[in-house]
Each structure stands twice: as structure tokens, then as C-alpha cells.
Amino acid sequence: MNELTQSLGVVAAAKGAGVSLIASLAVVAQITIVVLIIGAIAWVASPGARRALASPVGLLHAYGVWLAWGVAVVATLASLWLSEAKHFIPCHLCSIQRFWMYPLVLILAGVAVRKTRWATWAAIVPAAIGLGVSIRHVWVEAHPESDTCAIGGAPCSFKWVDEFGYVTIPMMAGTAFLLIIVLLAVAGTGQRGGGAPTE
């Protein structure tokens, strides 16, 4: 327990602008997800909305994969900063989420360059698995009695970050995974079989 006690001391001293900035980016990402989903519903339901949204949707068709790549890059850098600069010890579930997030930086760069529809949709799979792990981790945080994992004295139920009353590290990771999924889905619907955006 000494290591965990020391880590708790680090956390108490680590609350700063950097952590708040990352949490704020997660909130912005959550708002973006809601806007994209509402826009997608309007696109399907209303011809008028389809005309009004034609330009931004066209941009998402063309650059959605690159935007998803950007989200993966930011999430990866934030994760590394929290562990390497702030010395937050990754728990078992954090490590699994990293396992699914970090490779997305390379995968999505390749998908963005190749621009093939099947690759765009296939890239959703690791993001969806990562999202599932994030959801599980958020549940464990909310139900500490269910925590059965601990590596290096870091229980999965411990909240290294708790901003705005709900934004924790797995919440941030899950937000990034979900935004990647939404961006890839929008981009994928706009690609032909060969990958070029439809008109």
C-alpha cells in the first residue's frame, strides 16, 4: 500500500492546468459527438437538412479519417503525459485501453492515405473494443467493490482524474474512442468502394 499512498500524494499535487485542459478537451469532444449524431439523424430524416449540411458533411467525408487520426494522436499524447509527466500509474484496464488506442495512430494514418472504404470501416473494430473496455472501467470506478484488478498497487477503481464531477481517465479514453468511431462512420459512408468520397 506504500506505493499507492505515495501515488495518492502525487495526485493531490498534480491537479493543474494540464489536467484540466485535457478534461476540457474531452468535454469538447463529447459535445462534438452529440452534434455529429444529431446532424446524422437530421441528414437521414430531412431533405432540407441534407441540403444545408451538404458542405460540412462533404468535408467530413473527405477528411473524417484524418480527424479521427488527430483524435488518436491527442489521446495517445495525453495518456503518455499523464503517466510519464504526472506519474499516474496505469492500472490493468488503463493498459488494455492503451493497447487499443496507441496502434490507432499508425492504423488511421495508413487508412487516411489509402482511402479505402473497407479499411475505414475495419478501423472501427479496435476503436469499438477500446470503447467497450472504457465503459467497463467507468463501471468499475462507479462500483469500487467490483474492482478485482491491481497492477503495481494501482486499483482500477481509483480516480486519478475527476474533473467537472464526471470526467475521469477512462471517461476521456472512451470519449476519444467514440469520437473516432463516429468520424470513421461518417467518412466511410461517403467513400466509394475504392475510397474516393462520393459527390
C-alpha atoms as a PDB file:
ATOM      1  CA  MET A   1       0.000   0.000   0.000  1.00  0.00           C
ATOM      2  CA  ASN A   2       3.015   2.318   0.346  1.00  0.00           C
ATOM      3  CA  GLU A   3       3.256   2.773  -3.408  1.00  0.00           C
ATOM      4  CA  LEU A   4      -0.427   3.608  -3.670  1.00  0.00           C
ATOM      5  CA  THR A   5      -0.128   6.045  -0.761  1.00  0.00           C
ATOM      6  CA  GLN A   6       2.768   7.774  -2.495  1.00  0.00           C
ATOM      7  CA  SER A   7       0.764   7.871  -5.731  1.00  0.00           C
ATOM      8  CA  LEU A   8      -2.150   9.476  -3.929  1.00  0.00           C
ATOM      9  CA  GLY A   9       0.228  12.178  -2.784  1.00  0.00           C
ATOM     10  CA  VAL A  10       1.351  12.703  -6.377  1.00  0.00           C
ATOM     11  CA  VAL A  11      -2.263  13.015  -7.494  1.00  0.00           C
ATOM     12  CA  ALA A  12      -3.015  15.585  -4.817  1.00  0.00           C
ATOM     13  CA  ALA A  13      -0.084  17.674  -6.055  1.00  0.00           C
ATOM     14  CA  ALA A  14      -0.758  17.099  -9.744  1.00  0.00           C
ATOM     15  CA  LYS A  15      -4.077  18.888 -10.122  1.00  0.00           C
ATOM     16  CA  GLY A  16      -3.171  21.638 -12.509  1.00  0.00           C
ATOM     17  CA  ALA A  17      -3.906  23.411 -15.744  1.00  0.00           C
ATOM     18  CA  GLY A  18      -2.678  20.486 -17.851  1.00  0.00           C
ATOM     19  CA  VAL A  19      -5.110  18.002 -16.352  1.00  0.00           C
ATOM     20  CA  SER A  20      -7.970  20.497 -16.593  1.00  0.00           C
ATOM     21  CA  LEU A  21      -7.089  21.201 -20.232  1.00  0.00           C
ATOM     22  CA  ILE A  22      -7.204  17.517 -21.154  1.00  0.00           C
ATOM     23  CA  ALA A  23     -10.516  17.113 -19.322  1.00  0.00           C
ATOM     24  CA  SER A  24     -11.872  20.185 -21.129  1.00  0.00           C
ATOM     25  CA  LEU A  25     -10.854  18.669 -24.471  1.00  0.00           C
ATOM     26  CA  ALA A  26     -12.838  15.567 -23.529  1.00  0.00           C
ATOM     27  CA  VAL A  27     -15.920  17.701 -22.857  1.00  0.00           C
ATOM     28  CA  VAL A  28     -15.488  19.450 -26.224  1.00  0.00           C
ATOM     29  CA  ALA A  29     -15.187  16.023 -27.847  1.00  0.00           C
ATOM     30  CA  GLN A  30     -18.395  14.890 -26.145  1.00  0.00           C
ATOM     31  CA  ILE A  31     -20.234  17.953 -27.439  1.00  0.00           C
ATOM     32  CA  THR A  32     -18.830  17.253 -30.902  1.00  0.00           C
ATOM     33  CA  ILE A  33     -20.128  13.681 -30.742  1.00  0.00           C
ATOM     34  CA  VAL A  34     -23.630  14.897 -29.862  1.00  0.00           C
ATOM     35  CA  VAL A  35     -23.558  17.459 -32.687  1.00  0.00           C
ATOM     36  CA  LEU A  36     -22.386  14.837 -35.190  1.00  0.00           C
ATOM     37  CA  ILE A  37     -25.064  12.357 -34.139  1.00  0.00           C
ATOM     38  CA  ILE A  38     -27.813  14.997 -34.298  1.00  0.00           C
ATOM     39  CA  GLY A  39     -26.503  16.052 -37.711  1.00  0.00           C
ATOM     40  CA  ALA A  40     -26.526  12.448 -38.925  1.00  0.00           C
ATOM     41  CA  ILE A  41     -30.132  11.993 -37.789  1.00  0.00           C
ATOM     42  CA  ALA A  42     -31.148  15.246 -39.483  1.00  0.00           C
ATOM     43  CA  TRP A  43     -29.296  14.167 -42.652  1.00  0.00           C
ATOM     44  CA  VAL A  44     -31.284  10.944 -42.825  1.00  0.00           C
ATOM     45  CA  ALA A  45     -34.632  12.426 -41.794  1.00  0.00           C
ATOM     46  CA  SER A  46     -34.821  15.718 -43.678  1.00  0.00           C
ATOM     47  CA  PRO A  47     -34.038  16.607 -47.310  1.00  0.00           C
ATOM     48  CA  GLY A  48     -33.790  20.251 -46.230  1.00  0.00           C
ATOM     49  CA  ALA A  49     -31.196  19.391 -43.590  1.00  0.00           C
ATOM     50  CA  ARG A  50     -29.353  17.315 -46.187  1.00  0.00           C
ATOM     51  CA  ARG A  51     -29.035  20.350 -48.420  1.00  0.00           C
ATOM     52  CA  ALA A  52     -27.986  22.605 -45.534  1.00  0.00           C
ATOM     53  CA  LEU A  53     -25.405  20.133 -44.280  1.00  0.00           C
ATOM     54  CA  ALA A  54     -24.010  19.162 -47.675  1.00  0.00           C
ATOM     55  CA  SER A  55     -20.843  21.246 -47.322  1.00  0.00           C
ATOM     56  CA  PRO A  56     -19.767  20.184 -43.791  1.00  0.00           C
ATOM     57  CA  VAL A  57     -20.689  16.566 -44.495  1.00  0.00           C
ATOM     58  CA  GLY A  58     -18.610  16.689 -47.668  1.00  0.00           C
ATOM     59  CA  LEU A  59     -15.641  17.870 -45.605  1.00  0.00           C
ATOM     60  CA  LEU A  60     -16.165  15.037 -43.141  1.00  0.00           C
ATOM     61  CA  HIS A  61     -16.333  12.542 -45.992  1.00  0.00           C
ATOM     62  CA  ALA A  62     -13.013  13.861 -47.271  1.00  0.00           C
ATOM     63  CA  TYR A  63     -11.166  14.469 -44.018  1.00  0.00           C
ATOM     64  CA  GLY A  64     -13.019  12.422 -41.386  1.00  0.00           C
ATOM     65  CA  VAL A  65     -10.306   9.750 -41.208  1.00  0.00           C
ATOM     66  CA  TRP A  66      -7.610  12.387 -40.725  1.00  0.00           C
ATOM     67  CA  LEU A  67      -9.697  13.958 -37.956  1.00  0.00           C
ATOM     68  CA  ALA A  68     -10.047  10.536 -36.318  1.00  0.00           C
ATOM     69  CA  TRP A  69      -6.269  10.149 -36.593  1.00  0.00           C
ATOM     70  CA  GLY A  70      -5.866  13.521 -34.867  1.00  0.00           C
ATOM     71  CA  VAL A  71      -8.098  12.364 -32.020  1.00  0.00           C
ATOM     72  CA  ALA A  72      -5.988   9.198 -31.624  1.00  0.00           C
ATOM     73  CA  VAL A  73      -2.779  11.272 -31.584  1.00  0.00           C
ATOM     74  CA  VAL A  74      -4.112  13.660 -28.928  1.00  0.00           C
ATOM     75  CA  ALA A  75      -5.435  10.773 -26.801  1.00  0.00           C
ATOM     76  CA  THR A  76      -2.113   8.935 -27.045  1.00  0.00           C
ATOM     77  CA  LEU A  77      -0.046  12.006 -26.148  1.00  0.00           C
ATOM     78  CA  ALA A  78      -2.383  12.844 -23.253  1.00  0.00           C
ATOM     79  CA  SER A  79      -2.124   9.280 -21.960  1.00  0.00           C
ATOM     80  CA  LEU A  80       1.675   9.337 -22.121  1.00  0.00           C
ATOM     81  CA  TRP A  81       1.787  12.759 -20.462  1.00  0.00           C
ATOM     82  CA  LEU A  82      -0.391  11.596 -17.564  1.00  0.00           C
ATOM     83  CA  SER A  83       1.798   8.557 -16.916  1.00  0.00           C
ATOM     84  CA  GLU A  84       5.258   9.937 -17.750  1.00  0.00           C
ATOM     85  CA  ALA A  85       4.982  13.583 -16.653  1.00  0.00           C
ATOM     86  CA  LYS A  86       2.346  13.314 -13.925  1.00  0.00           C
ATOM     87  CA  HIS A  87       3.472   9.809 -12.861  1.00  0.00           C
ATOM     88  CA  PHE A  88      -0.033   8.352 -12.741  1.00  0.00           C
ATOM     89  CA  ILE A  89       0.366   4.579 -12.562  1.00  0.00           C
ATOM     90  CA  PRO A  90      -1.684   2.880 -15.332  1.00  0.00           C
ATOM     91  CA  CYS A  91      -3.977   0.214 -13.934  1.00  0.00           C
ATOM     92  CA  HIS A  92      -4.758  -3.041 -15.726  1.00  0.00           C
ATOM     93  CA  LEU A  93      -7.783  -1.641 -17.586  1.00  0.00           C
ATOM     94  CA  CYS A  94      -5.834   1.522 -18.491  1.00  0.00           C
ATOM     95  CA  SER A  95      -3.154  -0.655 -20.046  1.00  0.00           C
ATOM     96  CA  ILE A  96      -5.742  -2.507 -22.124  1.00  0.00           C
ATOM     97  CA  GLN A  97      -7.220   0.781 -23.361  1.00  0.00           C
ATOM     98  CA  ARG A  98      -3.719   1.923 -24.315  1.00  0.00           C
ATOM     99  CA  PHE A  99      -3.251  -1.341 -26.195  1.00  0.00           C
ATOM    100  CA  TRP A 100      -6.229  -0.460 -28.414  1.00  0.00           C
ATOM    101  CA  MET A 101      -5.582   3.306 -28.681  1.00  0.00           C
ATOM    102  CA  TYR A 102      -1.875   3.571 -29.436  1.00  0.00           C
ATOM    103  CA  PRO A 103      -1.888   1.421 -32.608  1.00  0.00           C
ATOM    104  CA  LEU A 104      -4.760   3.526 -33.978  1.00  0.00           C
ATOM    105  CA  VAL A 105      -2.255   6.341 -34.584  1.00  0.00           C
ATOM    106  CA  LEU A 106      -0.483   4.196 -37.183  1.00  0.00           C
ATOM    107  CA  ILE A 107      -3.581   2.364 -38.409  1.00  0.00           C
ATOM    108  CA  LEU A 108      -5.567   5.537 -39.071  1.00  0.00           C
ATOM    109  CA  ALA A 109      -2.625   7.231 -40.776  1.00  0.00           C
ATOM    110  CA  GLY A 110      -2.484   4.277 -43.166  1.00  0.00           C
ATOM    111  CA  VAL A 111      -6.243   4.314 -43.678  1.00  0.00           C
ATOM    112  CA  ALA A 112      -6.218   8.078 -44.360  1.00  0.00           C
ATOM    113  CA  VAL A 113      -3.524   7.658 -47.004  1.00  0.00           C
ATOM    114  CA  ARG A 114      -5.076   4.604 -48.691  1.00  0.00           C
ATOM    115  CA  LYS A 115      -8.660   5.953 -48.558  1.00  0.00           C
ATOM    116  CA  THR A 116     -10.358   2.585 -48.979  1.00  0.00           C
ATOM    117  CA  ARG A 117     -13.860   2.094 -47.653  1.00  0.00           C
ATOM    118  CA  TRP A 118     -13.232  -1.388 -46.217  1.00  0.00           C
ATOM    119  CA  ALA A 119     -10.194  -0.131 -44.272  1.00  0.00           C
ATOM    120  CA  THR A 120     -12.150   2.829 -42.904  1.00  0.00           C
ATOM    121  CA  TRP A 121     -14.897   0.544 -41.600  1.00  0.00           C
ATOM    122  CA  ALA A 122     -12.390  -2.059 -40.375  1.00  0.00           C
ATOM    123  CA  ALA A 123     -10.603   0.587 -38.299  1.00  0.00           C
ATOM    124  CA  ILE A 124     -13.794   0.957 -36.260  1.00  0.00           C
ATOM    125  CA  VAL A 125     -13.242  -2.519 -34.767  1.00  0.00           C
ATOM    126  CA  PRO A 126     -10.258  -1.730 -32.498  1.00  0.00           C
ATOM    127  CA  ALA A 127     -11.871   1.563 -31.501  1.00  0.00           C
ATOM    128  CA  ALA A 128     -15.088  -0.258 -30.586  1.00  0.00           C
ATOM    129  CA  ILE A 129     -13.187  -2.805 -28.483  1.00  0.00           C
ATOM    130  CA  GLY A 130     -11.349   0.025 -26.727  1.00  0.00           C
ATOM    131  CA  LEU A 131     -14.674   1.766 -26.098  1.00  0.00           C
ATOM    132  CA  GLY A 132     -16.015  -1.411 -24.508  1.00  0.00           C
ATOM    133  CA  VAL A 133     -13.037  -1.563 -22.140  1.00  0.00           C
ATOM    134  CA  SER A 134     -13.508   2.120 -21.268  1.00  0.00           C
ATOM    135  CA  ILE A 135     -17.172   1.526 -20.444  1.00  0.00           C
ATOM    136  CA  ARG A 136     -16.164  -1.386 -18.214  1.00  0.00           C
ATOM    137  CA  HIS A 137     -13.567   0.807 -16.491  1.00  0.00           C
ATOM    138  CA  VAL A 138     -16.062   3.614 -15.856  1.00  0.00           C
ATOM    139  CA  TRP A 139     -18.384   0.997 -14.324  1.00  0.00           C
ATOM    140  CA  VAL A 140     -15.601  -0.257 -12.051  1.00  0.00           C
ATOM    141  CA  GLU A 141     -14.917   3.324 -10.921  1.00  0.00           C
ATOM    142  CA  ALA A 142     -18.593   3.701 -10.043  1.00  0.00           C
ATOM    143  CA  HIS A 143     -18.618   0.316  -8.240  1.00  0.00           C
ATOM    144  CA  PRO A 144     -15.268   0.064  -6.404  1.00  0.00           C
ATOM    145  CA  GLU A 145     -16.381  -3.099  -4.637  1.00  0.00           C
ATOM    146  CA  SER A 146     -16.226  -4.871  -8.015  1.00  0.00           C
ATOM    147  CA  ASP A 147     -12.543  -3.990  -8.518  1.00  0.00           C
ATOM    148  CA  THR A 148     -10.543  -7.182  -8.878  1.00  0.00           C
ATOM    149  CA  CYS A 149      -7.554  -5.795 -10.791  1.00  0.00           C
ATOM    150  CA  ALA A 150      -4.443  -4.158  -9.446  1.00  0.00           C
ATOM    151  CA  ILE A 151      -1.022  -3.870 -11.053  1.00  0.00           C
ATOM    152  CA  GLY A 152       1.806  -2.141  -9.234  1.00  0.00           C
ATOM    153  CA  GLY A 153      -0.582  -1.080  -6.476  1.00  0.00           C
ATOM    154  CA  ALA A 154      -2.900   0.812  -8.832  1.00  0.00           C
ATOM    155  CA  PRO A 155      -6.523  -0.283  -8.405  1.00  0.00           C
ATOM    156  CA  CYS A 156      -8.775   0.191 -11.414  1.00  0.00           C
ATOM    157  CA  SER A 157     -11.380   1.884  -9.234  1.00  0.00           C
ATOM    158  CA  PHE A 158      -9.040   4.712  -8.197  1.00  0.00           C
ATOM    159  CA  LYS A 159      -9.790   8.015  -9.946  1.00  0.00           C
ATOM    160  CA  TRP A 160      -6.516   9.665 -10.841  1.00  0.00           C
ATOM    161  CA  VAL A 161      -8.518  12.441 -12.517  1.00  0.00           C
ATOM    162  CA  ASP A 162     -12.011  13.574 -11.547  1.00  0.00           C
ATOM    163  CA  GLU A 163     -12.810  16.845 -13.296  1.00  0.00           C
ATOM    164  CA  PHE A 164     -16.209  18.539 -13.603  1.00  0.00           C
ATOM    165  CA  GLY A 165     -17.695  15.833 -11.405  1.00  0.00           C
ATOM    166  CA  TYR A 166     -17.578  13.092 -14.016  1.00  0.00           C
ATOM    167  CA  VAL A 167     -14.558  13.308 -16.337  1.00  0.00           C
ATOM    168  CA  THR A 168     -12.109  10.574 -15.355  1.00  0.00           C
ATOM    169  CA  ILE A 169      -9.315   8.956 -17.362  1.00  0.00           C
ATOM    170  CA  PRO A 170     -11.468   6.084 -18.717  1.00  0.00           C
ATOM    171  CA  MET A 171     -14.234   8.599 -19.488  1.00  0.00           C
ATOM    172  CA  MET A 172     -11.719  10.588 -21.535  1.00  0.00           C
ATOM    173  CA  ALA A 173     -10.457   7.460 -23.287  1.00  0.00           C
ATOM    174  CA  GLY A 174     -13.991   6.281 -24.014  1.00  0.00           C
ATOM    175  CA  THR A 175     -14.869   9.700 -25.411  1.00  0.00           C
ATOM    176  CA  ALA A 176     -11.866   9.542 -27.742  1.00  0.00           C
ATOM    177  CA  PHE A 177     -12.767   6.031 -28.897  1.00  0.00           C
ATOM    178  CA  LEU A 178     -16.385   7.042 -29.536  1.00  0.00           C
ATOM    179  CA  LEU A 179     -15.425  10.191 -31.452  1.00  0.00           C
ATOM    180  CA  ILE A 180     -13.069   8.120 -33.607  1.00  0.00           C
ATOM    181  CA  ILE A 181     -15.887   5.658 -34.325  1.00  0.00           C
ATOM    182  CA  VAL A 182     -18.337   8.416 -35.279  1.00  0.00           C
ATOM    183  CA  LEU A 183     -15.810  10.179 -37.524  1.00  0.00           C
ATOM    184  CA  LEU A 184     -14.878   6.926 -39.259  1.00  0.00           C
ATOM    185  CA  ALA A 185     -18.538   6.008 -39.751  1.00  0.00           C
ATOM    186  CA  VAL A 186     -19.273   9.375 -41.351  1.00  0.00           C
ATOM    187  CA  ALA A 187     -16.166   9.165 -43.528  1.00  0.00           C
ATOM    188  CA  GLY A 188     -16.971   5.574 -44.507  1.00  0.00           C
ATOM    189  CA  THR A 189     -20.472   6.408 -45.659  1.00  0.00           C
ATOM    190  CA  GLY A 190     -19.008   8.984 -48.014  1.00  0.00           C
ATOM    191  CA  GLN A 191     -16.484   6.695 -49.678  1.00  0.00           C
ATOM    192  CA  ARG A 192     -16.950   4.579 -52.761  1.00  0.00           C
ATOM    193  CA  GLY A 193     -15.593   1.067 -52.799  1.00  0.00           C
ATOM    194  CA  GLY A 194     -12.212   2.389 -53.869  1.00  0.00           C
ATOM    195  CA  GLY A 195     -12.239   5.013 -51.155  1.00  0.00           C
ATOM    196  CA  ALA A 196     -12.838   8.267 -53.036  1.00  0.00           C
ATOM    197  CA  PRO A 197     -15.508  10.485 -51.464  1.00  0.00           C
ATOM    198  CA  THR A 198     -18.834  10.451 -53.255  1.00  0.00           C
ATOM    199  CA  GLU A 199     -20.086  13.612 -54.847  1.00  0.00           C
END
